[in-house]
Amino acid sequence: MIVSLDIAPLSAQQRVHTVRGGQSLARIAQRYGVRISDLAAANGLAAGASLRAGQELSIPEAGVAYVQRGQTLS
């Protein structure tokens, strides 16, 4: 018997983190091994933004860099 599971590879799945009280972008970024600036950019937030409990954040893939207006490759 052949069983097929339609499960997307981990890299293709969107990771979502639900913020708990007292968490910061820095703590969450460290937990997932991503840069604070990339975590903030993936969620349309400033790097120093305050978070609220229950807020859902999309976690970018490690190694994916978000470029902001005015930045260059160099």
PDB file of N, CA and C in Angstrom:
ATOM      1  N   MET A   1       0.839  -1.167   0.000  1.00  0.00           N
ATOM      2  CA  MET A   1       0.000   0.000   0.000  1.00  0.00           C
ATOM      3  C   MET A   1       0.892   1.240   0.000  1.00  0.00           C
ATOM      4  N   ILE A   2       0.588   2.188  -0.846  1.00  0.00           N
ATOM      5  CA  ILE A   2       1.335   3.445  -0.922  1.00  0.00           C
ATOM      6  C   ILE A   2       0.461   4.551  -0.338  1.00  0.00           C
ATOM      7  N   VAL A   3       1.027   5.279   0.579  1.00  0.00           N
ATOM      8  CA  VAL A   3       0.313   6.386   1.203  1.00  0.00           C
ATOM      9  C   VAL A   3       1.030   7.668   0.835  1.00  0.00           C
ATOM     10  N   SER A   4       0.291   8.637   0.380  1.00  0.00           N
ATOM     11  CA  SER A   4       0.869   9.924   0.010  1.00  0.00           C
ATOM     12  C   SER A   4       0.377  10.989   0.981  1.00  0.00           C
ATOM     13  N   LEU A   5       1.306  11.706   1.556  1.00  0.00           N
ATOM     14  CA  LEU A   5       0.957  12.808   2.444  1.00  0.00           C
ATOM     15  C   LEU A   5       1.300  14.110   1.750  1.00  0.00           C
ATOM     16  N   ASP A   6       0.351  15.008   1.705  1.00  0.00           N
ATOM     17  CA  ASP A   6       0.591  16.315   1.104  1.00  0.00           C
ATOM     18  C   ASP A   6       1.061  17.279   2.176  1.00  0.00           C
ATOM     19  N   ILE A   7       2.320  17.156   2.537  1.00  0.00           N
ATOM     20  CA  ILE A   7       2.915  18.015   3.546  1.00  0.00           C
ATOM     21  C   ILE A   7       4.011  18.821   2.875  1.00  0.00           C
ATOM     22  N   ALA A   8       3.906  20.118   2.983  1.00  0.00           N
ATOM     23  CA  ALA A   8       4.928  20.980   2.392  1.00  0.00           C
ATOM     24  C   ALA A   8       6.224  20.820   3.169  1.00  0.00           C
ATOM     25  N   PRO A   9       7.369  20.918   2.480  1.00  0.00           N
ATOM     26  CA  PRO A   9       8.640  20.855   3.191  1.00  0.00           C
ATOM     27  C   PRO A   9       8.707  21.952   4.241  1.00  0.00           C
ATOM     28  N   LEU A  10       9.459  21.726   5.308  1.00  0.00           N
ATOM     29  CA  LEU A  10       9.547  22.678   6.405  1.00  0.00           C
ATOM     30  C   LEU A  10       9.917  24.070   5.915  1.00  0.00           C
ATOM     31  N   SER A  11      10.838  24.159   4.959  1.00  0.00           N
ATOM     32  CA  SER A  11      11.273  25.470   4.481  1.00  0.00           C
ATOM     33  C   SER A  11      10.145  26.215   3.772  1.00  0.00           C
ATOM     34  N   ALA A  12       9.161  25.485   3.242  1.00  0.00           N
ATOM     35  CA  ALA A  12       8.070  26.134   2.527  1.00  0.00           C
ATOM     36  C   ALA A  12       6.909  26.483   3.454  1.00  0.00           C
ATOM     37  N   GLN A  13       6.915  25.924   4.648  1.00  0.00           N
ATOM     38  CA  GLN A  13       5.841  26.209   5.584  1.00  0.00           C
ATOM     39  C   GLN A  13       6.082  27.565   6.249  1.00  0.00           C
ATOM     40  N   GLN A  14       5.014  28.283   6.459  1.00  0.00           N
ATOM     41  CA  GLN A  14       5.117  29.565   7.152  1.00  0.00           C
ATOM     42  C   GLN A  14       5.122  29.303   8.649  1.00  0.00           C
ATOM     43  N   ARG A  15       6.145  29.798   9.312  1.00  0.00           N
ATOM     44  CA  ARG A  15       6.201  29.664  10.763  1.00  0.00           C
ATOM     45  C   ARG A  15       5.562  30.895  11.378  1.00  0.00           C
ATOM     46  N   VAL A  16       4.750  30.667  12.378  1.00  0.00           N
ATOM     47  CA  VAL A  16       4.067  31.756  13.074  1.00  0.00           C
ATOM     48  C   VAL A  16       4.347  31.602  14.560  1.00  0.00           C
ATOM     49  N   HIS A  17       4.658  32.707  15.203  1.00  0.00           N
ATOM     50  CA  HIS A  17       4.903  32.725  16.638  1.00  0.00           C
ATOM     51  C   HIS A  17       3.844  33.594  17.290  1.00  0.00           C
ATOM     52  N   THR A  18       3.200  33.073  18.330  1.00  0.00           N
ATOM     53  CA  THR A  18       2.250  33.856  19.100  1.00  0.00           C
ATOM     54  C   THR A  18       2.976  34.444  20.304  1.00  0.00           C
ATOM     55  N   VAL A  19       2.977  35.758  20.391  1.00  0.00           N
ATOM     56  CA  VAL A  19       3.713  36.478  21.433  1.00  0.00           C
ATOM     57  C   VAL A  19       3.088  36.212  22.800  1.00  0.00           C
ATOM     58  N   ARG A  20       3.952  35.954  23.769  1.00  0.00           N
ATOM     59  CA  ARG A  20       3.532  35.821  25.164  1.00  0.00           C
ATOM     60  C   ARG A  20       3.982  37.066  25.929  1.00  0.00           C
ATOM     61  N   GLY A  21       3.347  37.330  27.036  1.00  0.00           N
ATOM     62  CA  GLY A  21       3.674  38.497  27.842  1.00  0.00           C
ATOM     63  C   GLY A  21       5.159  38.587  28.151  1.00  0.00           C
ATOM     64  N   GLY A  22       5.731  39.766  27.997  1.00  0.00           N
ATOM     65  CA  GLY A  22       7.130  39.999  28.320  1.00  0.00           C
ATOM     66  C   GLY A  22       8.110  39.679  27.202  1.00  0.00           C
ATOM     67  N   GLN A  23       7.650  39.113  26.094  1.00  0.00           N
ATOM     68  CA  GLN A  23       8.565  38.793  24.999  1.00  0.00           C
ATOM     69  C   GLN A  23       8.867  40.035  24.173  1.00  0.00           C
ATOM     70  N   SER A  24      10.042  40.041  23.579  1.00  0.00           N
ATOM     71  CA  SER A  24      10.477  41.140  22.723  1.00  0.00           C
ATOM     72  C   SER A  24      10.878  40.580  21.367  1.00  0.00           C
ATOM     73  N   LEU A  25      11.025  41.479  20.392  1.00  0.00           N
ATOM     74  CA  LEU A  25      11.513  41.045  19.081  1.00  0.00           C
ATOM     75  C   LEU A  25      12.879  40.378  19.216  1.00  0.00           C
ATOM     76  N   ALA A  26      13.729  40.928  20.072  1.00  0.00           N
ATOM     77  CA  ALA A  26      15.077  40.373  20.245  1.00  0.00           C
ATOM     78  C   ALA A  26      15.024  38.935  20.758  1.00  0.00           C
ATOM     79  N   ARG A  27      14.195  38.696  21.752  1.00  0.00           N
ATOM     80  CA  ARG A  27      14.091  37.343  22.330  1.00  0.00           C
ATOM     81  C   ARG A  27      13.533  36.356  21.299  1.00  0.00           C
ATOM     82  N   ILE A  28      12.520  36.781  20.561  1.00  0.00           N
ATOM     83  CA  ILE A  28      11.896  35.906  19.567  1.00  0.00           C
ATOM     84  C   ILE A  28      12.871  35.643  18.414  1.00  0.00           C
ATOM     85  N   ALA A  29      13.564  36.678  17.963  1.00  0.00           N
ATOM     86  CA  ALA A  29      14.544  36.507  16.883  1.00  0.00           C
ATOM     87  C   ALA A  29      15.637  35.524  17.297  1.00  0.00           C
ATOM     88  N   GLN A  30      16.101  35.647  18.521  1.00  0.00           N
ATOM     89  CA  GLN A  30      17.143  34.733  19.012  1.00  0.00           C
ATOM     90  C   GLN A  30      16.623  33.295  19.035  1.00  0.00           C
ATOM     91  N   ARG A  31      15.395  33.112  19.477  1.00  0.00           N
ATOM     92  CA  ARG A  31      14.813  31.770  19.556  1.00  0.00           C
ATOM     93  C   ARG A  31      14.787  31.081  18.195  1.00  0.00           C
ATOM     94  N   TYR A  32      14.487  31.843  17.136  1.00  0.00           N
ATOM     95  CA  TYR A  32      14.351  31.260  15.805  1.00  0.00           C
ATOM     96  C   TYR A  32      15.612  31.409  14.948  1.00  0.00           C
ATOM     97  N   GLY A  33      16.636  32.046  15.489  1.00  0.00           N
ATOM     98  CA  GLY A  33      17.894  32.181  14.752  1.00  0.00           C
ATOM     99  C   GLY A  33      17.817  33.117  13.565  1.00  0.00           C
ATOM    100  N   VAL A  34      17.041  34.196  13.712  1.00  0.00           N
ATOM    101  CA  VAL A  34      16.941  35.201  12.646  1.00  0.00           C
ATOM    102  C   VAL A  34      17.355  36.563  13.202  1.00  0.00           C
ATOM    103  N   ARG A  35      17.634  37.488  12.319  1.00  0.00           N
ATOM    104  CA  ARG A  35      18.010  38.833  12.758  1.00  0.00           C
ATOM    105  C   ARG A  35      16.769  39.608  13.191  1.00  0.00           C
ATOM    106  N   ILE A  36      16.945  40.472  14.183  1.00  0.00           N
ATOM    107  CA  ILE A  36      15.833  41.294  14.671  1.00  0.00           C
ATOM    108  C   ILE A  36      15.256  42.130  13.536  1.00  0.00           C
ATOM    109  N   SER A  37      16.127  42.722  12.739  1.00  0.00           N
ATOM    110  CA  SER A  37      15.655  43.581  11.650  1.00  0.00           C
ATOM    111  C   SER A  37      14.833  42.799  10.633  1.00  0.00           C
ATOM    112  N   ASP A  38      15.202  41.538  10.372  1.00  0.00           N
ATOM    113  CA  ASP A  38      14.444  40.722   9.418  1.00  0.00           C
ATOM    114  C   ASP A  38      13.093  40.309  10.007  1.00  0.00           C
ATOM    115  N   LEU A  39      13.073  39.984  11.291  1.00  0.00           N
ATOM    116  CA  LEU A  39      11.814  39.634  11.955  1.00  0.00           C
ATOM    117  C   LEU A  39      10.873  40.836  11.935  1.00  0.00           C
ATOM    118  N   ALA A  40      11.403  42.004  12.254  1.00  0.00           N
ATOM    119  CA  ALA A  40      10.593  43.223  12.246  1.00  0.00           C
ATOM    120  C   ALA A  40      10.068  43.513  10.840  1.00  0.00           C
ATOM    121  N   ALA A  41      10.945  43.447   9.840  1.00  0.00           N
ATOM    122  CA  ALA A  41      10.548  43.742   8.460  1.00  0.00           C
ATOM    123  C   ALA A  41       9.505  42.751   7.956  1.00  0.00           C
ATOM    124  N   ALA A  42       9.633  41.493   8.313  1.00  0.00           N
ATOM    125  CA  ALA A  42       8.676  40.474   7.867  1.00  0.00           C
ATOM    126  C   ALA A  42       7.281  40.737   8.407  1.00  0.00           C
ATOM    127  N   ASN A  43       7.210  41.533   9.463  1.00  0.00           N
ATOM    128  CA  ASN A  43       5.931  41.815  10.105  1.00  0.00           C
ATOM    129  C   ASN A  43       5.520  43.276  10.032  1.00  0.00           C
ATOM    130  N   GLY A  44       6.251  44.071   9.254  1.00  0.00           N
ATOM    131  CA  GLY A  44       5.915  45.477   9.075  1.00  0.00           C
ATOM    132  C   GLY A  44       6.068  46.291  10.341  1.00  0.00           C
ATOM    133  N   LEU A  45       7.059  45.930  11.163  1.00  0.00           N
ATOM    134  CA  LEU A  45       7.285  46.614  12.437  1.00  0.00           C
ATOM    135  C   LEU A  45       8.627  47.327  12.439  1.00  0.00           C
ATOM    136  N   ALA A  46       8.761  48.313  13.307  1.00  0.00           N
ATOM    137  CA  ALA A  46      10.066  48.936  13.548  1.00  0.00           C
ATOM    138  C   ALA A  46      10.865  47.990  14.439  1.00  0.00           C
ATOM    139  N   ALA A  47      12.181  48.033  14.341  1.00  0.00           N
ATOM    140  CA  ALA A  47      13.034  47.123  15.111  1.00  0.00           C
ATOM    141  C   ALA A  47      12.824  47.254  16.621  1.00  0.00           C
ATOM    142  N   GLY A  48      12.423  48.416  17.098  1.00  0.00           N
ATOM    143  CA  GLY A  48      12.216  48.613  18.534  1.00  0.00           C
ATOM    144  C   GLY A  48      10.753  48.558  18.950  1.00  0.00           C
ATOM    145  N   ALA A  49       9.905  48.009  18.089  1.00  0.00           N
ATOM    146  CA  ALA A  49       8.464  48.002  18.352  1.00  0.00           C
ATOM    147  C   ALA A  49       8.114  47.200  19.600  1.00  0.00           C
ATOM    148  N   SER A  50       7.106  47.672  20.310  1.00  0.00           N
ATOM    149  CA  SER A  50       6.568  46.927  21.454  1.00  0.00           C
ATOM    150  C   SER A  50       5.602  45.878  20.932  1.00  0.00           C
ATOM    151  N   LEU A  51       5.575  44.740  21.600  1.00  0.00           N
ATOM    152  CA  LEU A  51       4.682  43.663  21.204  1.00  0.00           C
ATOM    153  C   LEU A  51       3.611  43.489  22.266  1.00  0.00           C
ATOM    154  N   ARG A  52       2.496  42.898  21.879  1.00  0.00           N
ATOM    155  CA  ARG A  52       1.431  42.626  22.847  1.00  0.00           C
ATOM    156  C   ARG A  52       1.159  41.125  22.870  1.00  0.00           C
ATOM    157  N   ALA A  53       0.799  40.624  24.017  1.00  0.00           N
ATOM    158  CA  ALA A  53       0.486  39.205  24.165  1.00  0.00           C
ATOM    159  C   ALA A  53      -0.642  38.832  23.209  1.00  0.00           C
ATOM    160  N   GLY A  54      -0.480  37.706  22.546  1.00  0.00           N
ATOM    161  CA  GLY A  54      -1.475  37.230  21.595  1.00  0.00           C
ATOM    162  C   GLY A  54      -1.204  37.639  20.162  1.00  0.00           C
ATOM    163  N   GLN A  55      -0.308  38.600  19.964  1.00  0.00           N
ATOM    164  CA  GLN A  55       0.038  39.055  18.617  1.00  0.00           C
ATOM    165  C   GLN A  55       0.738  37.915  17.883  1.00  0.00           C
ATOM    166  N   GLU A  56       0.423  37.708  16.609  1.00  0.00           N
ATOM    167  CA  GLU A  56       1.059  36.664  15.816  1.00  0.00           C
ATOM    168  C   GLU A  56       2.092  37.277  14.895  1.00  0.00           C
ATOM    169  N   LEU A  57       3.278  36.697  14.908  1.00  0.00           N
ATOM    170  CA  LEU A  57       4.374  37.165  14.067  1.00  0.00           C
ATOM    171  C   LEU A  57       4.767  36.083  13.077  1.00  0.00           C
ATOM    172  N   SER A  58       4.971  36.480  11.836  1.00  0.00           N
ATOM    173  CA  SER A  58       5.511  35.563  10.835  1.00  0.00           C
ATOM    174  C   SER A  58       7.010  35.500  11.045  1.00  0.00           C
ATOM    175  N   ILE A  59       7.552  34.296  11.071  1.00  0.00           N
ATOM    176  CA  ILE A  59       8.986  34.107  11.273  1.00  0.00           C
ATOM    177  C   ILE A  59       9.633  33.870   9.918  1.00  0.00           C
ATOM    178  N   PRO A  60      10.549  34.751   9.497  1.00  0.00           N
ATOM    179  CA  PRO A  60      11.196  34.558   8.203  1.00  0.00           C
ATOM    180  C   PRO A  60      12.153  33.362   8.257  1.00  0.00           C
ATOM    181  N   GLU A  61      12.425  32.794   7.106  1.00  0.00           N
ATOM    182  CA  GLU A  61      13.391  31.708   7.037  1.00  0.00           C
ATOM    183  C   GLU A  61      14.773  32.259   7.366  1.00  0.00           C
ATOM    184  N   ALA A  62      15.567  31.468   8.063  1.00  0.00           N
ATOM    185  CA  ALA A  62      16.947  31.871   8.347  1.00  0.00           C
ATOM    186  C   ALA A  62      17.675  32.031   7.019  1.00  0.00           C
ATOM    187  N   GLY A  63      18.457  33.061   6.903  1.00  0.00           N
ATOM    188  CA  GLY A  63      19.216  33.305   5.675  1.00  0.00           C
ATOM    189  C   GLY A  63      18.495  34.191   4.680  1.00  0.00           C
ATOM    190  N   VAL A  64      17.230  34.492   4.914  1.00  0.00           N
ATOM    191  CA  VAL A  64      16.487  35.399   4.044  1.00  0.00           C
ATOM    192  C   VAL A  64      16.663  36.800   4.609  1.00  0.00           C
ATOM    193  N   ALA A  65      17.135  37.709   3.778  1.00  0.00           N
ATOM    194  CA  ALA A  65      17.356  39.078   4.227  1.00  0.00           C
ATOM    195  C   ALA A  65      16.282  39.983   3.638  1.00  0.00           C
ATOM    196  N   TYR A  66      15.777  40.867   4.448  1.00  0.00           N
ATOM    197  CA  TYR A  66      14.795  41.847   4.005  1.00  0.00           C
ATOM    198  C   TYR A  66      15.514  43.162   3.770  1.00  0.00           C
ATOM    199  N   VAL A  67      15.325  43.734   2.591  1.00  0.00           N
ATOM    200  CA  VAL A  67      15.978  44.979   2.215  1.00  0.00           C
ATOM    201  C   VAL A  67      14.981  46.107   2.392  1.00  0.00           C
ATOM    202  N   GLN A  68      15.443  47.167   3.036  1.00  0.00           N
ATOM    203  CA  GLN A  68      14.577  48.308   3.242  1.00  0.00           C
ATOM    204  C   GLN A  68      14.959  49.419   2.281  1.00  0.00           C
ATOM    205  N   ARG A  69      14.021  50.302   2.045  1.00  0.00           N
ATOM    206  CA  ARG A  69      14.236  51.420   1.125  1.00  0.00           C
ATOM    207  C   ARG A  69      15.523  52.145   1.500  1.00  0.00           C
ATOM    208  N   GLY A  70      16.353  52.414   0.516  1.00  0.00           N
ATOM    209  CA  GLY A  70      17.606  53.127   0.741  1.00  0.00           C
ATOM    210  C   GLY A  70      18.806  52.215   0.934  1.00  0.00           C
ATOM    211  N   GLN A  71      18.576  50.937   1.187  1.00  0.00           N
ATOM    212  CA  GLN A  71      19.692  50.011   1.350  1.00  0.00           C
ATOM    213  C   GLN A  71      20.171  49.546  -0.021  1.00  0.00           C
ATOM    214  N   THR A  72      21.453  49.205  -0.089  1.00  0.00           N
ATOM    215  CA  THR A  72      22.034  48.670  -1.307  1.00  0.00           C
ATOM    216  C   THR A  72      22.717  47.345  -1.016  1.00  0.00           C
ATOM    217  N   LEU A  73      23.112  46.629  -2.047  1.00  0.00           N
ATOM    218  CA  LEU A  73      23.807  45.362  -1.852  1.00  0.00           C
ATOM    219  C   LEU A  73      25.175  45.543  -1.237  1.00  0.00           C
ATOM    220  N   SER A  74      25.760  46.694  -1.409  1.00  0.00           N
ATOM    221  CA  SER A  74      27.076  46.913  -0.814  1.00  0.00           C
ATOM    222  C   SER A  74      26.901  47.481   0.573  1.00  0.00           C
TER     223      SER A  74
END
